[in-house]
């Protein structure tokens, strides 16, 4: 009987400790850890990764990623490598131009609500081909690729209006405007906005620099934040 009581006490302690840990490890802490990983990537000193049979077997039982990342499909910007993370660490949604449409937003909602990741990163990147194609587009875009370019067009128009003379500067501005527009589309989701208002989700906008490997944050206008959920 005494052994049973000890076992129950230990079990309760483990469960309680896990709950306390989950409560305290919020989006800020997770983002700091990912940026530490980005520093390792920049320095060419990646951490050892557990890709063993045991780890893969463990992951068949479920996934518990610490962050959801929306990134461009560009082959030069793989989030797991950029942030030096391993199997099961991050839930990734990728699409050319890191734009939002219903299935992409649904995937993000799955990550932040069902998988309960406390962090969402919108990751654009330097020299984005989708943004560049939109910038150079003449006439109306065609086909399914055209649907992507249409989503990016407002960012390009804003960039041209702000700085239309310098092509390189206009492209960079358009990339950042597109990231901000993606945020505006995401925050319209009642699921996402509710989690943000409840303090359960942190959203970070960032741009990956191809040459340096560095992830740099982009400030999001407070006016774009969602109204308080009731």
C-alpha atoms as a PDB file:
ATOM      1  CA  UNK A   1       0.000   0.000   0.000  1.00  0.00           C
ATOM      2  CA  UNK A   2       2.850   2.304   0.882  1.00  0.00           C
ATOM      3  CA  UNK A   3       4.538   1.571  -2.449  1.00  0.00           C
ATOM      4  CA  UNK A   4       1.294   2.386  -4.252  1.00  0.00           C
ATOM      5  CA  UNK A   5       1.085   5.749  -2.489  1.00  0.00           C
ATOM      6  CA  UNK A   6       4.678   6.537  -3.398  1.00  0.00           C
ATOM      7  CA  UNK A   7       4.014   5.597  -7.023  1.00  0.00           C
ATOM      8  CA  UNK A   8       0.922   7.817  -7.170  1.00  0.00           C
ATOM      9  CA  UNK A   9       2.809  10.707  -5.578  1.00  0.00           C
ATOM     10  CA  UNK A  10       5.663  10.405  -8.066  1.00  0.00           C
ATOM     11  CA  UNK A  11       3.227  10.147 -10.978  1.00  0.00           C
ATOM     12  CA  UNK A  12       1.392  13.263  -9.830  1.00  0.00           C
ATOM     13  CA  UNK A  13       4.682  15.116  -9.491  1.00  0.00           C
ATOM     14  CA  UNK A  14       5.693  14.162 -13.020  1.00  0.00           C
ATOM     15  CA  UNK A  15       2.333  15.225 -14.444  1.00  0.00           C
ATOM     16  CA  UNK A  16       2.327  18.479 -12.471  1.00  0.00           C
ATOM     17  CA  UNK A  17       5.879  19.284 -13.510  1.00  0.00           C
ATOM     18  CA  UNK A  18       4.993  18.648 -17.130  1.00  0.00           C
ATOM     19  CA  UNK A  19       1.966  20.916 -16.900  1.00  0.00           C
ATOM     20  CA  UNK A  20       3.960  23.705 -15.262  1.00  0.00           C
ATOM     21  CA  UNK A  21       6.674  23.359 -17.910  1.00  0.00           C
ATOM     22  CA  UNK A  22       4.100  23.516 -20.726  1.00  0.00           C
ATOM     23  CA  UNK A  23       2.506  26.615 -19.218  1.00  0.00           C
ATOM     24  CA  UNK A  24       5.792  28.486 -18.866  1.00  0.00           C
ATOM     25  CA  UNK A  25       7.355  27.537 -22.194  1.00  0.00           C
ATOM     26  CA  UNK A  26       5.574  30.088 -24.338  1.00  0.00           C
ATOM     27  CA  UNK A  27       6.194  31.584 -27.740  1.00  0.00           C
ATOM     28  CA  UNK A  28       8.985  33.891 -26.576  1.00  0.00           C
ATOM     29  CA  UNK A  29      11.013  31.006 -25.155  1.00  0.00           C
ATOM     30  CA  UNK A  30      10.476  28.847 -28.236  1.00  0.00           C
ATOM     31  CA  UNK A  31      11.455  31.688 -30.564  1.00  0.00           C
ATOM     32  CA  UNK A  32      14.641  32.284 -28.574  1.00  0.00           C
ATOM     33  CA  UNK A  33      15.515  28.587 -28.935  1.00  0.00           C
ATOM     34  CA  UNK A  34      14.906  28.675 -32.675  1.00  0.00           C
ATOM     35  CA  UNK A  35      17.096  31.758 -33.024  1.00  0.00           C
ATOM     36  CA  UNK A  36      19.835  29.928 -31.124  1.00  0.00           C
ATOM     37  CA  UNK A  37      19.470  27.229 -33.754  1.00  0.00           C
ATOM     38  CA  UNK A  38      19.718  29.832 -36.501  1.00  0.00           C
ATOM     39  CA  UNK A  39      22.968  31.074 -34.954  1.00  0.00           C
ATOM     40  CA  UNK A  40      24.361  27.541 -35.024  1.00  0.00           C
ATOM     41  CA  UNK A  41      23.332  27.275 -38.673  1.00  0.00           C
ATOM     42  CA  UNK A  42      25.029  30.565 -39.558  1.00  0.00           C
ATOM     43  CA  UNK A  43      28.226  29.450 -37.825  1.00  0.00           C
ATOM     44  CA  UNK A  44      28.142  26.028 -39.457  1.00  0.00           C
ATOM     45  CA  UNK A  45      27.959  24.292 -36.084  1.00  0.00           C
ATOM     46  CA  UNK A  46      24.678  22.333 -36.138  1.00  0.00           C
ATOM     47  CA  UNK A  47      23.620  20.357 -33.091  1.00  0.00           C
ATOM     48  CA  UNK A  48      23.609  16.563 -33.207  1.00  0.00           C
ATOM     49  CA  UNK A  49      20.239  15.232 -34.431  1.00  0.00           C
ATOM     50  CA  UNK A  50      18.533  12.069 -33.213  1.00  0.00           C
ATOM     51  CA  UNK A  51      17.327  10.350 -36.386  1.00  0.00           C
ATOM     52  CA  UNK A  52      17.601   6.882 -34.883  1.00  0.00           C
ATOM     53  CA  UNK A  53      15.102   4.065 -35.274  1.00  0.00           C
ATOM     54  CA  UNK A  54      14.036   4.625 -31.653  1.00  0.00           C
ATOM     55  CA  UNK A  55      13.295   8.290 -32.308  1.00  0.00           C
ATOM     56  CA  UNK A  56      11.358   7.508 -35.491  1.00  0.00           C
ATOM     57  CA  UNK A  57       9.425   4.826 -33.616  1.00  0.00           C
ATOM     58  CA  UNK A  58       8.628   7.331 -30.882  1.00  0.00           C
ATOM     59  CA  UNK A  59       7.247   9.763 -33.446  1.00  0.00           C
ATOM     60  CA  UNK A  60       4.831   7.149 -34.800  1.00  0.00           C
ATOM     61  CA  UNK A  61       2.914   7.611 -31.557  1.00  0.00           C
ATOM     62  CA  UNK A  62       2.285  11.293 -32.222  1.00  0.00           C
ATOM     63  CA  UNK A  63       3.870  14.667 -32.834  1.00  0.00           C
ATOM     64  CA  UNK A  64       4.490  17.547 -30.446  1.00  0.00           C
ATOM     65  CA  UNK A  65       6.200  20.323 -32.432  1.00  0.00           C
ATOM     66  CA  UNK A  66       7.140  23.515 -30.621  1.00  0.00           C
ATOM     67  CA  UNK A  67       6.382  25.898 -33.486  1.00  0.00           C
ATOM     68  CA  UNK A  68       4.364  26.272 -36.667  1.00  0.00           C
ATOM     69  CA  UNK A  69       6.218  27.870 -39.575  1.00  0.00           C
ATOM     70  CA  UNK A  70       4.746  29.182 -42.814  1.00  0.00           C
ATOM     71  CA  UNK A  71       7.532  29.539 -45.364  1.00  0.00           C
ATOM     72  CA  UNK A  72       8.113  29.863 -49.083  1.00  0.00           C
ATOM     73  CA  UNK A  73       8.599  26.626 -51.038  1.00  0.00           C
ATOM     74  CA  UNK A  74      12.017  27.836 -52.234  1.00  0.00           C
ATOM     75  CA  UNK A  75      14.525  24.972 -51.998  1.00  0.00           C
ATOM     76  CA  UNK A  76      17.088  27.317 -50.461  1.00  0.00           C
ATOM     77  CA  UNK A  77      14.958  27.993 -47.382  1.00  0.00           C
ATOM     78  CA  UNK A  78      14.256  24.698 -45.539  1.00  0.00           C
ATOM     79  CA  UNK A  79      13.050  25.757 -42.046  1.00  0.00           C
ATOM     80  CA  UNK A  80      14.380  22.645 -40.260  1.00  0.00           C
ATOM     81  CA  UNK A  81      17.896  23.399 -41.461  1.00  0.00           C
ATOM     82  CA  UNK A  82      17.680  27.194 -41.134  1.00  0.00           C
ATOM     83  CA  UNK A  83      16.646  26.848 -37.474  1.00  0.00           C
ATOM     84  CA  UNK A  84      18.782  23.729 -36.866  1.00  0.00           C
ATOM     85  CA  UNK A  85      15.888  21.557 -35.697  1.00  0.00           C
ATOM     86  CA  UNK A  86      15.295  17.815 -35.815  1.00  0.00           C
ATOM     87  CA  UNK A  87      12.523  15.330 -36.611  1.00  0.00           C
ATOM     88  CA  UNK A  88       9.240  16.302 -34.982  1.00  0.00           C
ATOM     89  CA  UNK A  89      10.407  19.712 -33.763  1.00  0.00           C
ATOM     90  CA  UNK A  90       8.468  22.057 -36.075  1.00  0.00           C
ATOM     91  CA  UNK A  91       5.211  21.889 -38.023  1.00  0.00           C
ATOM     92  CA  UNK A  92       5.848  23.365 -41.460  1.00  0.00           C
ATOM     93  CA  UNK A  93       3.473  24.756 -44.068  1.00  0.00           C
ATOM     94  CA  UNK A  94       5.147  25.714 -47.361  1.00  0.00           C
ATOM     95  CA  UNK A  95       3.833  27.477 -50.453  1.00  0.00           C
ATOM     96  CA  UNK A  96       5.476  29.627 -53.129  1.00  0.00           C
ATOM     97  CA  UNK A  97       5.505  33.241 -52.005  1.00  0.00           C
ATOM     98  CA  UNK A  98       4.358  32.265 -48.479  1.00  0.00           C
ATOM     99  CA  UNK A  99       0.854  33.425 -49.400  1.00  0.00           C
ATOM    100  CA  UNK A 100      -2.440  32.518 -47.761  1.00  0.00           C
ATOM    101  CA  UNK A 101      -5.403  30.643 -49.218  1.00  0.00           C
ATOM    102  CA  UNK A 102      -7.971  28.441 -47.417  1.00  0.00           C
ATOM    103  CA  UNK A 103      -6.041  25.139 -47.281  1.00  0.00           C
ATOM    104  CA  UNK A 104      -2.852  26.918 -46.200  1.00  0.00           C
ATOM    105  CA  UNK A 105      -4.705  28.782 -43.461  1.00  0.00           C
ATOM    106  CA  UNK A 106      -6.394  25.541 -42.417  1.00  0.00           C
ATOM    107  CA  UNK A 107      -2.996  23.895 -42.063  1.00  0.00           C
ATOM    108  CA  UNK A 108      -1.798  26.783 -39.893  1.00  0.00           C
ATOM    109  CA  UNK A 109      -4.905  26.524 -37.729  1.00  0.00           C
ATOM    110  CA  UNK A 110      -4.197  22.817 -37.298  1.00  0.00           C
ATOM    111  CA  UNK A 111      -0.693  23.595 -36.097  1.00  0.00           C
ATOM    112  CA  UNK A 112      -1.555  26.333 -33.629  1.00  0.00           C
ATOM    113  CA  UNK A 113      -4.839  24.910 -32.309  1.00  0.00           C
ATOM    114  CA  UNK A 114      -4.721  21.110 -32.594  1.00  0.00           C
ATOM    115  CA  UNK A 115      -0.971  20.707 -32.075  1.00  0.00           C
ATOM    116  CA  UNK A 116      -0.986  23.697 -29.704  1.00  0.00           C
ATOM    117  CA  UNK A 117       2.256  25.258 -30.873  1.00  0.00           C
ATOM    118  CA  UNK A 118       2.779  28.510 -28.928  1.00  0.00           C
ATOM    119  CA  UNK A 119       4.670  30.103 -31.815  1.00  0.00           C
ATOM    120  CA  UNK A 120       3.845  30.864 -35.454  1.00  0.00           C
ATOM    121  CA  UNK A 121       6.561  32.211 -37.731  1.00  0.00           C
ATOM    122  CA  UNK A 122       5.798  33.744 -41.130  1.00  0.00           C
ATOM    123  CA  UNK A 123       9.081  33.270 -42.965  1.00  0.00           C
ATOM    124  CA  UNK A 124       9.736  35.072 -46.222  1.00  0.00           C
ATOM    125  CA  UNK A 125      13.166  35.332 -47.799  1.00  0.00           C
ATOM    126  CA  UNK A 126      15.594  37.463 -49.755  1.00  0.00           C
ATOM    127  CA  UNK A 127      15.314  37.343 -53.571  1.00  0.00           C
ATOM    128  CA  UNK A 128      11.928  35.595 -53.488  1.00  0.00           C
ATOM    129  CA  UNK A 129      11.235  34.334 -57.014  1.00  0.00           C
ATOM    130  CA  UNK A 130       7.467  34.591 -56.644  1.00  0.00           C
ATOM    131  CA  UNK A 131       7.655  38.238 -55.623  1.00  0.00           C
ATOM    132  CA  UNK A 132      10.191  38.989 -58.362  1.00  0.00           C
ATOM    133  CA  UNK A 133       7.933  37.354 -60.977  1.00  0.00           C
ATOM    134  CA  UNK A 134       5.029  39.496 -59.797  1.00  0.00           C
ATOM    135  CA  UNK A 135       7.187  42.608 -59.948  1.00  0.00           C
ATOM    136  CA  UNK A 136       8.209  41.851 -63.537  1.00  0.00           C
ATOM    137  CA  UNK A 137       4.743  40.748 -64.660  1.00  0.00           C
ATOM    138  CA  UNK A 138       3.107  42.516 -67.592  1.00  0.00           C
ATOM    139  CA  UNK A 139      -0.563  41.903 -68.220  1.00  0.00           C
ATOM    140  CA  UNK A 140      -2.770  39.454 -66.355  1.00  0.00           C
ATOM    141  CA  UNK A 141      -1.184  36.322 -64.840  1.00  0.00           C
ATOM    142  CA  UNK A 142      -2.435  33.003 -66.194  1.00  0.00           C
ATOM    143  CA  UNK A 143      -2.929  29.507 -64.834  1.00  0.00           C
ATOM    144  CA  UNK A 144      -2.538  28.356 -61.262  1.00  0.00           C
ATOM    145  CA  UNK A 145       0.756  30.179 -60.834  1.00  0.00           C
ATOM    146  CA  UNK A 146      -1.229  33.293 -61.642  1.00  0.00           C
ATOM    147  CA  UNK A 147      -3.270  32.740 -58.484  1.00  0.00           C
ATOM    148  CA  UNK A 148      -0.089  33.086 -56.443  1.00  0.00           C
ATOM    149  CA  UNK A 149       1.011  36.218 -58.253  1.00  0.00           C
ATOM    150  CA  UNK A 150      -2.398  37.815 -57.746  1.00  0.00           C
ATOM    151  CA  UNK A 151      -2.003  37.351 -53.983  1.00  0.00           C
ATOM    152  CA  UNK A 152       1.409  39.032 -54.085  1.00  0.00           C
ATOM    153  CA  UNK A 153       0.389  41.884 -56.400  1.00  0.00           C
ATOM    154  CA  UNK A 154      -0.878  44.267 -53.633  1.00  0.00           C
ATOM    155  CA  UNK A 155       2.551  44.115 -51.967  1.00  0.00           C
ATOM    156  CA  UNK A 156       4.283  44.844 -55.249  1.00  0.00           C
ATOM    157  CA  UNK A 157       2.003  47.785 -55.992  1.00  0.00           C
ATOM    158  CA  UNK A 158       2.662  49.227 -52.540  1.00  0.00           C
ATOM    159  CA  UNK A 159       6.411  48.812 -53.009  1.00  0.00           C
ATOM    160  CA  UNK A 160       6.355  50.489 -56.435  1.00  0.00           C
ATOM    161  CA  UNK A 161       4.440  53.411 -55.003  1.00  0.00           C
ATOM    162  CA  UNK A 162       6.923  53.809 -52.161  1.00  0.00           C
ATOM    163  CA  UNK A 163      10.089  53.225 -54.191  1.00  0.00           C
ATOM    164  CA  UNK A 164       9.627  52.435 -57.860  1.00  0.00           C
ATOM    165  CA  UNK A 165      12.960  53.648 -59.229  1.00  0.00           C
ATOM    166  CA  UNK A 166      15.451  51.275 -57.605  1.00  0.00           C
ATOM    167  CA  UNK A 167      14.579  47.708 -58.691  1.00  0.00           C
ATOM    168  CA  UNK A 168      16.550  45.984 -55.936  1.00  0.00           C
ATOM    169  CA  UNK A 169      15.095  48.210 -53.223  1.00  0.00           C
ATOM    170  CA  UNK A 170      11.589  47.806 -54.649  1.00  0.00           C
ATOM    171  CA  UNK A 171      11.927  44.016 -54.651  1.00  0.00           C
ATOM    172  CA  UNK A 172      13.121  43.972 -51.047  1.00  0.00           C
ATOM    173  CA  UNK A 173      10.301  46.258 -49.953  1.00  0.00           C
ATOM    174  CA  UNK A 174       7.762  44.130 -51.851  1.00  0.00           C
ATOM    175  CA  UNK A 175       9.045  40.983 -50.105  1.00  0.00           C
ATOM    176  CA  UNK A 176       8.529  42.561 -46.700  1.00  0.00           C
ATOM    177  CA  UNK A 177       5.137  43.992 -47.644  1.00  0.00           C
ATOM    178  CA  UNK A 178       4.070  40.547 -48.819  1.00  0.00           C
ATOM    179  CA  UNK A 179       5.055  39.033 -45.474  1.00  0.00           C
ATOM    180  CA  UNK A 180       3.030  41.700 -43.675  1.00  0.00           C
ATOM    181  CA  UNK A 181       0.031  41.074 -45.947  1.00  0.00           C
ATOM    182  CA  UNK A 182       0.273  37.371 -45.173  1.00  0.00           C
ATOM    183  CA  UNK A 183       0.095  38.227 -41.493  1.00  0.00           C
ATOM    184  CA  UNK A 184      -3.011  40.325 -42.105  1.00  0.00           C
ATOM    185  CA  UNK A 185      -4.645  37.358 -43.877  1.00  0.00           C
ATOM    186  CA  UNK A 186      -3.715  34.947 -41.093  1.00  0.00           C
ATOM    187  CA  UNK A 187      -4.921  37.138 -38.248  1.00  0.00           C
ATOM    188  CA  UNK A 188      -8.386  37.260 -39.836  1.00  0.00           C
ATOM    189  CA  UNK A 189      -8.810  33.655 -38.734  1.00  0.00           C
ATOM    190  CA  UNK A 190     -11.032  33.560 -35.605  1.00  0.00           C
ATOM    191  CA  UNK A 191      -9.026  30.567 -34.367  1.00  0.00           C
ATOM    192  CA  UNK A 192      -5.683  32.309 -34.697  1.00  0.00           C
ATOM    193  CA  UNK A 193      -6.867  35.694 -33.392  1.00  0.00           C
ATOM    194  CA  UNK A 194      -8.478  34.048 -30.351  1.00  0.00           C
ATOM    195  CA  UNK A 195      -5.255  32.229 -29.455  1.00  0.00           C
ATOM    196  CA  UNK A 196      -3.289  35.473 -29.803  1.00  0.00           C
ATOM    197  CA  UNK A 197      -5.727  37.381 -27.600  1.00  0.00           C
ATOM    198  CA  UNK A 198      -5.623  34.614 -24.999  1.00  0.00           C
ATOM    199  CA  UNK A 199      -1.837  34.884 -24.889  1.00  0.00           C
ATOM    200  CA  UNK A 200      -1.438  31.314 -26.103  1.00  0.00           C
ATOM    201  CA  UNK A 201       0.139  32.181 -29.445  1.00  0.00           C
ATOM    202  CA  UNK A 202       2.985  34.461 -30.477  1.00  0.00           C
ATOM    203  CA  UNK A 203       3.270  35.442 -34.155  1.00  0.00           C
ATOM    204  CA  UNK A 204       6.608  36.496 -35.605  1.00  0.00           C
ATOM    205  CA  UNK A 205       7.225  37.818 -39.117  1.00  0.00           C
ATOM    206  CA  UNK A 206      10.731  37.270 -40.448  1.00  0.00           C
ATOM    207  CA  UNK A 207      12.890  37.296 -43.556  1.00  0.00           C
ATOM    208  CA  UNK A 208      15.656  34.804 -44.283  1.00  0.00           C
ATOM    209  CA  UNK A 209      18.820  36.206 -45.844  1.00  0.00           C
ATOM    210  CA  UNK A 210      20.187  33.827 -48.472  1.00  0.00           C
ATOM    211  CA  UNK A 211      23.774  35.082 -48.327  1.00  0.00           C
ATOM    212  CA  UNK A 212      24.280  35.192 -44.577  1.00  0.00           C
ATOM    213  CA  UNK A 213      21.814  32.517 -43.492  1.00  0.00           C
ATOM    214  CA  UNK A 214      20.403  34.898 -40.916  1.00  0.00           C
ATOM    215  CA  UNK A 215      16.730  35.137 -39.982  1.00  0.00           C
ATOM    216  CA  UNK A 216      15.777  38.768 -39.353  1.00  0.00           C
ATOM    217  CA  UNK A 217      12.495  39.767 -37.747  1.00  0.00           C
ATOM    218  CA  UNK A 218      10.089  42.219 -39.346  1.00  0.00           C
ATOM    219  CA  UNK A 219       8.046  44.559 -37.206  1.00  0.00           C
ATOM    220  CA  UNK A 220       4.300  44.132 -37.547  1.00  0.00           C
ATOM    221  CA  UNK A 221       2.059  47.179 -37.246  1.00  0.00           C
ATOM    222  CA  UNK A 222       0.005  47.135 -34.077  1.00  0.00           C
ATOM    223  CA  UNK A 223      -2.976  48.363 -36.078  1.00  0.00           C
ATOM    224  CA  UNK A 224      -2.992  44.981 -37.858  1.00  0.00           C
ATOM    225  CA  UNK A 225      -3.586  43.098 -34.611  1.00  0.00           C
ATOM    226  CA  UNK A 226      -7.022  41.477 -34.194  1.00  0.00           C
ATOM    227  CA  UNK A 227      -9.788  42.910 -32.084  1.00  0.00           C
ATOM    228  CA  UNK A 228     -10.240  41.283 -28.691  1.00  0.00           C
ATOM    229  CA  UNK A 229     -12.228  38.052 -28.893  1.00  0.00           C
ATOM    230  CA  UNK A 230     -15.382  37.806 -26.789  1.00  0.00           C
END
